[in-house]
């Protein structure tokens, strides 16, 4: 824990990897205006620690067991609408970025850029600004005019990624095989994919689906 000045920006760090949280501690240690007040390793812990400490800024990982960062963020902002949350993740997919922003994230940073961007992003968000990593901004811009997949197409894409053939998908979703073929055709067109495997890869990379 760092300087306990009442003027410092109070931080809650949420990540299921202790080593990663330790790295954040290292980045914040010598900052006179930033103080780590609490850590959490799960989404549920994050909610409890937020209630206990009411941090100025929460650093939130998205991929965690039991309860995702998205769900923790929604729960915290449901109770504390003014909560300022910075998402830290390894994923730059545009759908994931949009989902985080819609859930109320004020900033979206890739973990491999933290040494460069974390401190200035914390200060910017504390001052009321929003921030996106260049990679996330690029992904958003690149797909801004794309046609989004419908919920039915997303359901088919998830089952393609899990290795199911059209007949299996039809049975699992209680739809006809012709409907599945139609959705696959739309998916390939909307994602500009060469084949089913390519579509699944794009879907995972952009955060449209997760396994």
C-alpha atoms as a PDB file:
ATOM      1  CA  UNK A   1       0.000   0.000   0.000  1.00  0.00           C
ATOM      2  CA  UNK A   2       1.202   3.484  -0.770  1.00  0.00           C
ATOM      3  CA  UNK A   3       0.904   6.977   0.602  1.00  0.00           C
ATOM      4  CA  UNK A   4      -2.296   7.482   2.590  1.00  0.00           C
ATOM      5  CA  UNK A   5      -2.853  11.134   1.745  1.00  0.00           C
ATOM      6  CA  UNK A   6      -6.539  12.039   1.677  1.00  0.00           C
ATOM      7  CA  UNK A   7      -5.867  13.817  -1.615  1.00  0.00           C
ATOM      8  CA  UNK A   8      -4.619  10.691  -3.398  1.00  0.00           C
ATOM      9  CA  UNK A   9      -6.638   8.761  -5.975  1.00  0.00           C
ATOM     10  CA  UNK A  10      -7.801   5.577  -4.219  1.00  0.00           C
ATOM     11  CA  UNK A  11      -7.546   2.399  -6.310  1.00  0.00           C
ATOM     12  CA  UNK A  12      -9.160  -1.061  -6.151  1.00  0.00           C
ATOM     13  CA  UNK A  13      -7.296  -3.621  -8.333  1.00  0.00           C
ATOM     14  CA  UNK A  14      -9.340  -6.627  -9.518  1.00  0.00           C
ATOM     15  CA  UNK A  15      -7.643  -9.568 -11.263  1.00  0.00           C
ATOM     16  CA  UNK A  16      -7.613 -13.310 -10.623  1.00  0.00           C
ATOM     17  CA  UNK A  17      -3.822 -13.497 -11.098  1.00  0.00           C
ATOM     18  CA  UNK A  18      -1.925 -12.409  -7.932  1.00  0.00           C
ATOM     19  CA  UNK A  19       1.234 -11.812  -9.981  1.00  0.00           C
ATOM     20  CA  UNK A  20      -0.578  -9.354 -12.223  1.00  0.00           C
ATOM     21  CA  UNK A  21      -1.976  -7.504  -9.197  1.00  0.00           C
ATOM     22  CA  UNK A  22       1.570  -7.431  -7.791  1.00  0.00           C
ATOM     23  CA  UNK A  23       2.697  -5.775 -11.024  1.00  0.00           C
ATOM     24  CA  UNK A  24       0.045  -3.079 -10.594  1.00  0.00           C
ATOM     25  CA  UNK A  25       1.212  -2.522  -7.007  1.00  0.00           C
ATOM     26  CA  UNK A  26       4.727  -2.009  -8.389  1.00  0.00           C
ATOM     27  CA  UNK A  27       3.498   0.574 -10.911  1.00  0.00           C
ATOM     28  CA  UNK A  28       1.592   2.532  -8.252  1.00  0.00           C
ATOM     29  CA  UNK A  29       4.074   2.368  -5.374  1.00  0.00           C
ATOM     30  CA  UNK A  30       6.042   5.524  -6.063  1.00  0.00           C
ATOM     31  CA  UNK A  31       3.087   7.673  -7.124  1.00  0.00           C
ATOM     32  CA  UNK A  32       2.370  10.298  -4.450  1.00  0.00           C
ATOM     33  CA  UNK A  33      -1.089  11.024  -5.895  1.00  0.00           C
ATOM     34  CA  UNK A  34      -2.272   7.393  -6.283  1.00  0.00           C
ATOM     35  CA  UNK A  35      -2.934   4.908  -3.473  1.00  0.00           C
ATOM     36  CA  UNK A  36      -3.892   1.219  -3.768  1.00  0.00           C
ATOM     37  CA  UNK A  37      -6.521   0.662  -1.055  1.00  0.00           C
ATOM     38  CA  UNK A  38      -7.750  -2.845  -1.887  1.00  0.00           C
ATOM     39  CA  UNK A  39      -7.326  -5.885  -4.142  1.00  0.00           C
ATOM     40  CA  UNK A  40      -9.760  -8.579  -5.286  1.00  0.00           C
ATOM     41  CA  UNK A  41      -9.281 -11.877  -7.119  1.00  0.00           C
ATOM     42  CA  UNK A  42     -12.899 -12.525  -8.185  1.00  0.00           C
ATOM     43  CA  UNK A  43     -15.904 -10.543  -9.339  1.00  0.00           C
ATOM     44  CA  UNK A  44     -17.761 -11.218  -6.082  1.00  0.00           C
ATOM     45  CA  UNK A  45     -14.769 -10.065  -4.041  1.00  0.00           C
ATOM     46  CA  UNK A  46     -14.616  -6.945  -6.198  1.00  0.00           C
ATOM     47  CA  UNK A  47     -18.190  -6.010  -5.259  1.00  0.00           C
ATOM     48  CA  UNK A  48     -17.496  -6.587  -1.548  1.00  0.00           C
ATOM     49  CA  UNK A  49     -14.232  -4.599  -1.631  1.00  0.00           C
ATOM     50  CA  UNK A  50     -15.920  -1.772  -3.515  1.00  0.00           C
ATOM     51  CA  UNK A  51     -18.641  -1.554  -0.844  1.00  0.00           C
ATOM     52  CA  UNK A  52     -16.014  -1.560   1.927  1.00  0.00           C
ATOM     53  CA  UNK A  53     -13.557   0.936   0.430  1.00  0.00           C
ATOM     54  CA  UNK A  54     -15.528   3.042  -2.092  1.00  0.00           C
ATOM     55  CA  UNK A  55     -12.435   3.546  -4.296  1.00  0.00           C
ATOM     56  CA  UNK A  56     -12.141   6.483  -6.696  1.00  0.00           C
ATOM     57  CA  UNK A  57     -11.065   4.144  -9.514  1.00  0.00           C
ATOM     58  CA  UNK A  58     -11.496   0.389  -9.991  1.00  0.00           C
ATOM     59  CA  UNK A  59      -9.113  -1.504 -12.300  1.00  0.00           C
ATOM     60  CA  UNK A  60     -11.184  -4.442 -13.584  1.00  0.00           C
ATOM     61  CA  UNK A  61     -10.084  -7.593 -15.398  1.00  0.00           C
ATOM     62  CA  UNK A  62     -12.822  -9.053 -17.625  1.00  0.00           C
ATOM     63  CA  UNK A  63     -11.958 -12.762 -17.665  1.00  0.00           C
ATOM     64  CA  UNK A  64     -12.339 -14.206 -14.180  1.00  0.00           C
ATOM     65  CA  UNK A  65     -13.773 -17.474 -12.851  1.00  0.00           C
ATOM     66  CA  UNK A  66     -17.231 -17.638 -11.212  1.00  0.00           C
ATOM     67  CA  UNK A  67     -18.218 -14.063 -12.029  1.00  0.00           C
ATOM     68  CA  UNK A  68     -16.877 -12.113 -15.003  1.00  0.00           C
ATOM     69  CA  UNK A  69     -15.606  -8.556 -14.862  1.00  0.00           C
ATOM     70  CA  UNK A  70     -18.621  -7.530 -16.957  1.00  0.00           C
ATOM     71  CA  UNK A  71     -21.045  -8.889 -14.358  1.00  0.00           C
ATOM     72  CA  UNK A  72     -19.056  -7.371 -11.474  1.00  0.00           C
ATOM     73  CA  UNK A  73     -19.019  -4.017 -13.266  1.00  0.00           C
ATOM     74  CA  UNK A  74     -22.803  -4.126 -13.827  1.00  0.00           C
ATOM     75  CA  UNK A  75     -23.388  -5.039 -10.169  1.00  0.00           C
ATOM     76  CA  UNK A  76     -21.096  -2.289  -8.841  1.00  0.00           C
ATOM     77  CA  UNK A  77     -22.601   0.359 -11.119  1.00  0.00           C
ATOM     78  CA  UNK A  78     -26.095  -0.859 -10.216  1.00  0.00           C
ATOM     79  CA  UNK A  79     -25.331   0.056  -6.592  1.00  0.00           C
ATOM     80  CA  UNK A  80     -22.919   2.931  -7.234  1.00  0.00           C
ATOM     81  CA  UNK A  81     -23.806   4.613 -10.566  1.00  0.00           C
ATOM     82  CA  UNK A  82     -20.875   7.036 -10.304  1.00  0.00           C
ATOM     83  CA  UNK A  83     -18.252   4.253  -9.995  1.00  0.00           C
ATOM     84  CA  UNK A  84     -15.289   4.910 -12.304  1.00  0.00           C
ATOM     85  CA  UNK A  85     -14.029   1.656 -13.776  1.00  0.00           C
ATOM     86  CA  UNK A  86     -11.020   1.061 -16.032  1.00  0.00           C
ATOM     87  CA  UNK A  87     -11.081  -2.269 -17.857  1.00  0.00           C
ATOM     88  CA  UNK A  88      -7.730  -4.075 -18.118  1.00  0.00           C
ATOM     89  CA  UNK A  89      -7.717  -7.007 -20.517  1.00  0.00           C
ATOM     90  CA  UNK A  90      -5.740  -8.974 -23.070  1.00  0.00           C
ATOM     91  CA  UNK A  91      -8.595  -8.669 -25.622  1.00  0.00           C
ATOM     92  CA  UNK A  92      -8.908  -5.772 -28.074  1.00  0.00           C
ATOM     93  CA  UNK A  93     -11.986  -7.168 -29.905  1.00  0.00           C
ATOM     94  CA  UNK A  94     -14.394  -4.394 -30.882  1.00  0.00           C
ATOM     95  CA  UNK A  95     -17.522  -6.182 -29.616  1.00  0.00           C
ATOM     96  CA  UNK A  96     -15.906  -6.718 -26.229  1.00  0.00           C
ATOM     97  CA  UNK A  97     -14.804  -3.047 -26.097  1.00  0.00           C
ATOM     98  CA  UNK A  98     -18.329  -1.850 -26.919  1.00  0.00           C
ATOM     99  CA  UNK A  99     -19.839  -4.201 -24.358  1.00  0.00           C
ATOM    100  CA  UNK A 100     -17.497  -2.861 -21.659  1.00  0.00           C
ATOM    101  CA  UNK A 101     -18.265   0.768 -22.571  1.00  0.00           C
ATOM    102  CA  UNK A 102     -22.014   0.062 -22.530  1.00  0.00           C
ATOM    103  CA  UNK A 103     -21.581  -1.558 -19.100  1.00  0.00           C
ATOM    104  CA  UNK A 104     -20.135   1.756 -17.922  1.00  0.00           C
ATOM    105  CA  UNK A 105     -16.351   1.402 -18.246  1.00  0.00           C
ATOM    106  CA  UNK A 106     -14.609   4.795 -18.478  1.00  0.00           C
ATOM    107  CA  UNK A 107     -11.463   3.375 -20.084  1.00  0.00           C
ATOM    108  CA  UNK A 108     -10.296   0.211 -21.837  1.00  0.00           C
ATOM    109  CA  UNK A 109      -6.608  -0.727 -21.675  1.00  0.00           C
ATOM    110  CA  UNK A 110      -4.715  -3.745 -22.950  1.00  0.00           C
ATOM    111  CA  UNK A 111      -2.588  -5.387 -20.269  1.00  0.00           C
ATOM    112  CA  UNK A 112       0.537  -5.321 -22.428  1.00  0.00           C
ATOM    113  CA  UNK A 113       0.386  -1.488 -22.576  1.00  0.00           C
ATOM    114  CA  UNK A 114       0.004  -0.805 -18.845  1.00  0.00           C
ATOM    115  CA  UNK A 115       3.583   0.356 -18.276  1.00  0.00           C
ATOM    116  CA  UNK A 116       3.031   3.062 -20.866  1.00  0.00           C
ATOM    117  CA  UNK A 117      -0.579   4.029 -20.233  1.00  0.00           C
ATOM    118  CA  UNK A 118      -1.901   3.039 -16.796  1.00  0.00           C
ATOM    119  CA  UNK A 119      -0.881   6.047 -14.684  1.00  0.00           C
ATOM    120  CA  UNK A 120      -1.987   8.710 -17.166  1.00  0.00           C
ATOM    121  CA  UNK A 121      -5.258   6.804 -17.750  1.00  0.00           C
ATOM    122  CA  UNK A 122      -5.998   6.652 -13.999  1.00  0.00           C
ATOM    123  CA  UNK A 123      -5.426  10.420 -13.735  1.00  0.00           C
ATOM    124  CA  UNK A 124      -7.498  11.141 -16.859  1.00  0.00           C
ATOM    125  CA  UNK A 125     -10.465   9.029 -15.681  1.00  0.00           C
ATOM    126  CA  UNK A 126     -10.272  10.581 -12.220  1.00  0.00           C
ATOM    127  CA  UNK A 127     -10.492  13.985 -13.920  1.00  0.00           C
ATOM    128  CA  UNK A 128     -13.692  12.896 -15.678  1.00  0.00           C
ATOM    129  CA  UNK A 129     -12.279  11.876 -19.063  1.00  0.00           C
ATOM    130  CA  UNK A 130     -12.643   8.612 -20.977  1.00  0.00           C
ATOM    131  CA  UNK A 131      -9.780   6.690 -22.559  1.00  0.00           C
ATOM    132  CA  UNK A 132      -9.288   3.817 -25.001  1.00  0.00           C
ATOM    133  CA  UNK A 133      -6.041   2.112 -25.875  1.00  0.00           C
ATOM    134  CA  UNK A 134      -4.995   2.786 -29.504  1.00  0.00           C
ATOM    135  CA  UNK A 135      -5.557  -0.909 -30.300  1.00  0.00           C
ATOM    136  CA  UNK A 136      -9.118  -0.832 -28.962  1.00  0.00           C
ATOM    137  CA  UNK A 137      -9.845   2.431 -30.817  1.00  0.00           C
ATOM    138  CA  UNK A 138      -8.547   0.874 -34.041  1.00  0.00           C
ATOM    139  CA  UNK A 139     -10.745  -2.211 -33.615  1.00  0.00           C
ATOM    140  CA  UNK A 140     -13.828  -0.049 -32.984  1.00  0.00           C
ATOM    141  CA  UNK A 141     -13.127   2.137 -36.000  1.00  0.00           C
ATOM    142  CA  UNK A 142     -12.374  -0.813 -38.261  1.00  0.00           C
ATOM    143  CA  UNK A 143     -15.743  -2.458 -37.593  1.00  0.00           C
ATOM    144  CA  UNK A 144     -17.915   0.632 -36.994  1.00  0.00           C
ATOM    145  CA  UNK A 145     -19.912   0.154 -40.207  1.00  0.00           C
ATOM    146  CA  UNK A 146     -20.145  -3.653 -40.084  1.00  0.00           C
ATOM    147  CA  UNK A 147     -23.537  -5.324 -39.904  1.00  0.00           C
ATOM    148  CA  UNK A 148     -23.855  -6.859 -36.444  1.00  0.00           C
ATOM    149  CA  UNK A 149     -24.727 -10.540 -36.149  1.00  0.00           C
ATOM    150  CA  UNK A 150     -28.259 -11.241 -34.946  1.00  0.00           C
ATOM    151  CA  UNK A 151     -28.696 -13.198 -31.677  1.00  0.00           C
ATOM    152  CA  UNK A 152     -29.644 -16.249 -33.778  1.00  0.00           C
ATOM    153  CA  UNK A 153     -26.466 -15.949 -35.841  1.00  0.00           C
ATOM    154  CA  UNK A 154     -24.350 -15.553 -32.680  1.00  0.00           C
ATOM    155  CA  UNK A 155     -25.933 -18.756 -31.304  1.00  0.00           C
ATOM    156  CA  UNK A 156     -24.999 -20.616 -34.500  1.00  0.00           C
ATOM    157  CA  UNK A 157     -21.462 -19.179 -34.488  1.00  0.00           C
ATOM    158  CA  UNK A 158     -20.942 -20.352 -30.882  1.00  0.00           C
ATOM    159  CA  UNK A 159     -21.946 -23.883 -31.852  1.00  0.00           C
ATOM    160  CA  UNK A 160     -19.712 -23.781 -34.961  1.00  0.00           C
ATOM    161  CA  UNK A 161     -16.793 -22.766 -32.716  1.00  0.00           C
ATOM    162  CA  UNK A 162     -17.592 -25.712 -30.436  1.00  0.00           C
ATOM    163  CA  UNK A 163     -17.172 -28.043 -33.442  1.00  0.00           C
ATOM    164  CA  UNK A 164     -20.801 -28.854 -34.331  1.00  0.00           C
ATOM    165  CA  UNK A 165     -21.994 -29.669 -37.847  1.00  0.00           C
ATOM    166  CA  UNK A 166     -25.133 -28.058 -39.306  1.00  0.00           C
ATOM    167  CA  UNK A 167     -27.403 -31.002 -38.399  1.00  0.00           C
ATOM    168  CA  UNK A 168     -26.206 -30.962 -34.777  1.00  0.00           C
ATOM    169  CA  UNK A 169     -26.685 -27.194 -34.620  1.00  0.00           C
ATOM    170  CA  UNK A 170     -30.233 -27.552 -36.014  1.00  0.00           C
ATOM    171  CA  UNK A 171     -31.056 -30.150 -33.335  1.00  0.00           C
ATOM    172  CA  UNK A 172     -29.501 -28.124 -30.504  1.00  0.00           C
ATOM    173  CA  UNK A 173     -31.315 -24.901 -31.466  1.00  0.00           C
ATOM    174  CA  UNK A 174     -34.566 -26.635 -32.527  1.00  0.00           C
ATOM    175  CA  UNK A 175     -34.470 -25.063 -35.977  1.00  0.00           C
ATOM    176  CA  UNK A 176     -34.284 -26.571 -39.476  1.00  0.00           C
ATOM    177  CA  UNK A 177     -31.008 -27.393 -41.186  1.00  0.00           C
ATOM    178  CA  UNK A 178     -32.000 -24.934 -43.953  1.00  0.00           C
ATOM    179  CA  UNK A 179     -32.253 -22.148 -41.346  1.00  0.00           C
ATOM    180  CA  UNK A 180     -28.803 -23.071 -40.039  1.00  0.00           C
ATOM    181  CA  UNK A 181     -27.377 -22.931 -43.589  1.00  0.00           C
ATOM    182  CA  UNK A 182     -28.947 -19.503 -44.092  1.00  0.00           C
ATOM    183  CA  UNK A 183     -27.453 -18.200 -40.859  1.00  0.00           C
ATOM    184  CA  UNK A 184     -24.012 -19.640 -41.694  1.00  0.00           C
ATOM    185  CA  UNK A 185     -24.156 -17.866 -45.080  1.00  0.00           C
ATOM    186  CA  UNK A 186     -25.015 -14.559 -43.342  1.00  0.00           C
ATOM    187  CA  UNK A 187     -22.255 -15.058 -40.754  1.00  0.00           C
ATOM    188  CA  UNK A 188     -19.601 -15.662 -43.429  1.00  0.00           C
ATOM    189  CA  UNK A 189     -20.751 -12.584 -45.342  1.00  0.00           C
ATOM    190  CA  UNK A 190     -20.974 -10.251 -42.316  1.00  0.00           C
ATOM    191  CA  UNK A 191     -17.618 -11.355 -40.879  1.00  0.00           C
ATOM    192  CA  UNK A 192     -15.956 -11.449 -44.300  1.00  0.00           C
ATOM    193  CA  UNK A 193     -14.844 -14.986 -43.453  1.00  0.00           C
ATOM    194  CA  UNK A 194     -13.539 -17.603 -45.895  1.00  0.00           C
ATOM    195  CA  UNK A 195     -15.125 -20.578 -44.138  1.00  0.00           C
ATOM    196  CA  UNK A 196     -16.680 -21.754 -40.881  1.00  0.00           C
ATOM    197  CA  UNK A 197     -13.357 -22.138 -39.050  1.00  0.00           C
ATOM    198  CA  UNK A 198     -12.274 -18.653 -40.118  1.00  0.00           C
ATOM    199  CA  UNK A 199     -15.641 -17.265 -38.936  1.00  0.00           C
ATOM    200  CA  UNK A 200     -15.193 -18.892 -35.513  1.00  0.00           C
ATOM    201  CA  UNK A 201     -11.660 -17.446 -35.234  1.00  0.00           C
ATOM    202  CA  UNK A 202     -12.900 -13.942 -36.125  1.00  0.00           C
ATOM    203  CA  UNK A 203     -15.809 -14.291 -33.677  1.00  0.00           C
ATOM    204  CA  UNK A 204     -13.426 -15.159 -30.825  1.00  0.00           C
ATOM    205  CA  UNK A 205     -10.910 -12.434 -31.720  1.00  0.00           C
ATOM    206  CA  UNK A 206     -13.554  -9.712 -31.896  1.00  0.00           C
ATOM    207  CA  UNK A 207     -15.282 -10.832 -28.698  1.00  0.00           C
ATOM    208  CA  UNK A 208     -18.567 -11.734 -30.463  1.00  0.00           C
ATOM    209  CA  UNK A 209     -18.367 -15.162 -28.806  1.00  0.00           C
ATOM    210  CA  UNK A 210     -16.254 -16.750 -26.116  1.00  0.00           C
ATOM    211  CA  UNK A 211     -15.685 -20.406 -25.348  1.00  0.00           C
END
